[in-house]
Protein backbone atom coordinates (compact mmCIF):
# COMPACT_ATOMS: atom_id res chain seq x y z
CA MET A 1 9.37 -10.02 -8.07
CA ALA A 2 10.99 -11.92 -5.23
CA VAL A 3 9.31 -10.16 -2.35
CA ASP A 4 9.76 -13.05 0.10
CA ALA A 5 13.52 -12.60 0.37
CA ASP A 6 13.20 -8.93 1.37
CA ALA A 7 9.90 -9.13 3.23
CA LYS A 8 11.52 -8.60 6.63
CA ARG A 9 14.50 -6.39 5.73
CA LEU A 10 13.76 -2.82 6.73
CA LEU A 11 14.29 -0.30 3.97
CA SER A 12 16.62 2.65 4.46
CA ASP A 13 15.30 6.22 4.30
CA GLU A 14 17.05 6.58 0.95
CA GLU A 15 15.43 3.42 -0.46
CA ILE A 16 11.99 4.60 0.65
CA ALA A 17 12.47 8.09 -0.81
CA ALA A 18 13.64 6.63 -4.13
CA ALA A 19 10.72 4.20 -4.30
CA LEU A 20 8.17 6.94 -3.56
CA GLU A 21 9.31 8.78 -6.69
CA ASP A 22 7.71 5.93 -8.67
CA LEU A 23 4.61 5.60 -6.47
CA PRO A 24 2.35 8.55 -7.29
CA GLY A 25 -0.16 9.34 -4.56
CA TRP A 26 1.76 7.56 -1.80
CA GLU A 27 3.63 9.30 0.99
CA ARG A 28 5.60 8.24 3.99
CA GLN A 29 3.92 8.77 7.34
CA GLY A 30 6.44 7.59 9.91
CA ASP A 31 6.79 3.83 9.53
CA LYS A 32 3.87 3.58 7.08
CA LEU A 33 3.11 4.31 3.45
CA ALA A 34 -0.22 6.06 2.98
CA ALA A 35 -2.43 7.09 0.08
CA THR A 36 -5.91 8.45 -0.48
CA PHE A 37 -8.00 7.38 -3.47
CA ASN A 38 -11.09 9.26 -4.63
CA PHE A 39 -13.82 7.79 -6.80
CA SER A 40 -17.06 8.99 -8.33
CA ASP A 41 -19.29 7.22 -5.80
CA PHE A 42 -19.48 4.60 -3.06
CA SER A 43 -19.94 1.69 -5.46
CA GLU A 44 -16.75 2.50 -7.35
CA ALA A 45 -14.82 2.95 -4.08
CA PHE A 46 -16.12 -0.33 -2.70
CA GLY A 47 -15.22 -2.17 -5.92
CA PHE A 48 -11.68 -0.80 -5.59
CA MET A 49 -11.53 -2.03 -1.99
CA SER A 50 -12.59 -5.49 -3.13
CA ARG A 51 -9.75 -5.59 -5.65
CA VAL A 52 -7.28 -4.35 -3.02
CA ALA A 53 -8.49 -7.12 -0.69
CA LEU A 54 -7.50 -9.69 -3.32
CA ILE A 55 -4.02 -8.16 -3.56
CA SER A 56 -3.76 -8.26 0.24
CA GLU A 57 -4.64 -11.94 0.31
CA ARG A 58 -2.19 -12.81 -2.49
CA LEU A 59 0.64 -11.03 -0.69
CA PHE A 60 -0.61 -12.04 2.78
CA HIS A 61 -0.09 -8.39 3.69
CA HIS A 62 -3.07 -6.43 4.94
CA PRO A 63 -3.50 -2.66 5.15
CA GLU A 64 -5.10 -0.33 7.62
CA TRP A 65 -7.84 1.36 5.66
CA SER A 66 -11.07 3.28 5.77
CA ASN A 67 -13.84 4.23 3.41
CA VAL A 68 -16.18 7.19 3.55
CA TRP A 69 -18.53 7.27 0.59
CA SER A 70 -16.22 7.83 -2.43
CA THR A 71 -12.89 8.07 -0.59
CA VAL A 72 -10.60 5.21 0.41
CA GLU A 73 -7.61 5.82 2.67
CA ILE A 74 -4.93 3.14 2.89
CA ALA A 75 -1.88 2.82 5.14
CA ILE A 76 0.53 -0.11 5.01
CA THR A 77 3.51 -1.22 7.08
CA ASN A 78 5.20 -4.49 7.89
CA HIS A 79 4.35 -5.03 11.56
CA ALA A 80 6.42 -8.23 11.74
CA ALA A 81 9.53 -6.36 10.56
CA GLY A 82 8.79 -3.19 12.53
CA GLY A 83 8.65 -0.79 9.60
CA LEU A 84 8.74 -0.50 5.84
CA THR A 85 9.99 -3.35 3.66
CA GLU A 86 9.90 -4.35 0.00
CA LEU A 87 6.56 -6.03 0.71
CA ASP A 88 5.00 -2.62 1.44
CA LEU A 89 6.38 -1.21 -1.80
CA GLU A 90 5.07 -4.17 -3.79
CA PHE A 91 1.65 -3.74 -2.19
CA ALA A 92 1.60 -0.03 -3.16
CA ARG A 93 2.72 -0.84 -6.72
CA ARG A 94 -0.05 -3.38 -7.17
CA VAL A 95 -2.67 -1.03 -5.71
CA ASN A 96 -1.56 1.77 -8.04
CA ALA A 97 -1.91 -0.60 -11.00
CA LEU A 98 -5.64 -0.79 -10.22
CA VAL A 99 -6.29 2.90 -10.83
């Protein structure tokens, strides 16, 4: 997917709504996409976070996130563009592919 070309183009409300139909677990929270992931224990949650970190590095796109025992909360936005772009959607797609 050619994310680079659309990495700074803000998505319309319609584009975001359509994309969220194919991103189970993600929701729009203002200018961010957010999701909560639950695991059986801390080790499983931390392993997931490690895999998400690798995605973040590959895309050079880093989330806001937190972890409390078996729960990982992730929010993503494109700060450089000032909102949601194709890069955020690609990040969410790759994260969903992990679970």
